[in-house]
């Protein structure tokens, strides 16, 4: 029973990690676009 719980917890953590990685990539893209636009406006 305990092992089963650990396995479920591990799978849940992997799922969360995948989602947060995707979020980080999205934020990085937004940030990169923002910097590109501001530097383009400054020039």
Protein backbone atom coordinates (compact mmCIF):
# COMPACT_ATOMS: atom_id res chain seq x y z
CA UNK A 1 0.00 0.00 0.00
CA UNK A 2 2.74 2.42 0.98
CA UNK A 3 4.72 1.67 -2.16
CA UNK A 4 1.63 2.30 -4.25
CA UNK A 5 1.21 5.72 -2.63
CA UNK A 6 4.83 6.59 -3.33
CA UNK A 7 4.41 5.62 -6.97
CA UNK A 8 1.27 7.76 -7.30
CA UNK A 9 3.04 10.69 -5.66
CA UNK A 10 6.00 10.31 -8.04
CA UNK A 11 3.72 10.27 -11.10
CA UNK A 12 1.92 13.35 -9.80
CA UNK A 13 5.23 15.16 -9.30
CA UNK A 14 6.34 14.32 -12.84
CA UNK A 15 3.07 15.72 -14.19
CA UNK A 16 3.52 18.93 -12.19
CA UNK A 17 7.12 19.26 -13.37
CA UNK A 18 6.07 18.88 -17.00
CA UNK A 19 3.45 21.61 -16.62
CA UNK A 20 5.77 24.02 -14.83
CA UNK A 21 8.46 23.47 -17.47
CA UNK A 22 5.92 24.35 -20.16
CA UNK A 23 4.96 27.48 -18.20
CA UNK A 24 8.60 28.51 -17.87
CA UNK A 25 9.08 28.15 -21.63
CA UNK A 26 5.97 30.25 -22.31
CA UNK A 27 7.13 32.98 -19.90
CA UNK A 28 10.59 32.94 -21.45
CA UNK A 29 9.07 33.46 -24.91
CA UNK A 30 6.92 36.35 -23.69
CA UNK A 31 9.94 37.90 -22.01
CA UNK A 32 12.09 37.52 -25.13
CA UNK A 33 9.41 39.11 -27.32
CA UNK A 34 9.00 41.95 -24.82
CA UNK A 35 12.75 42.67 -24.87
CA UNK A 36 12.84 42.52 -28.67
CA UNK A 37 9.94 44.96 -28.98
CA UNK A 38 11.34 47.43 -26.44
CA UNK A 39 14.80 47.44 -28.00
CA UNK A 40 13.22 47.89 -31.43
CA UNK A 41 11.17 50.86 -30.16
CA UNK A 42 14.22 52.46 -28.54
CA UNK A 43 16.24 52.35 -31.75
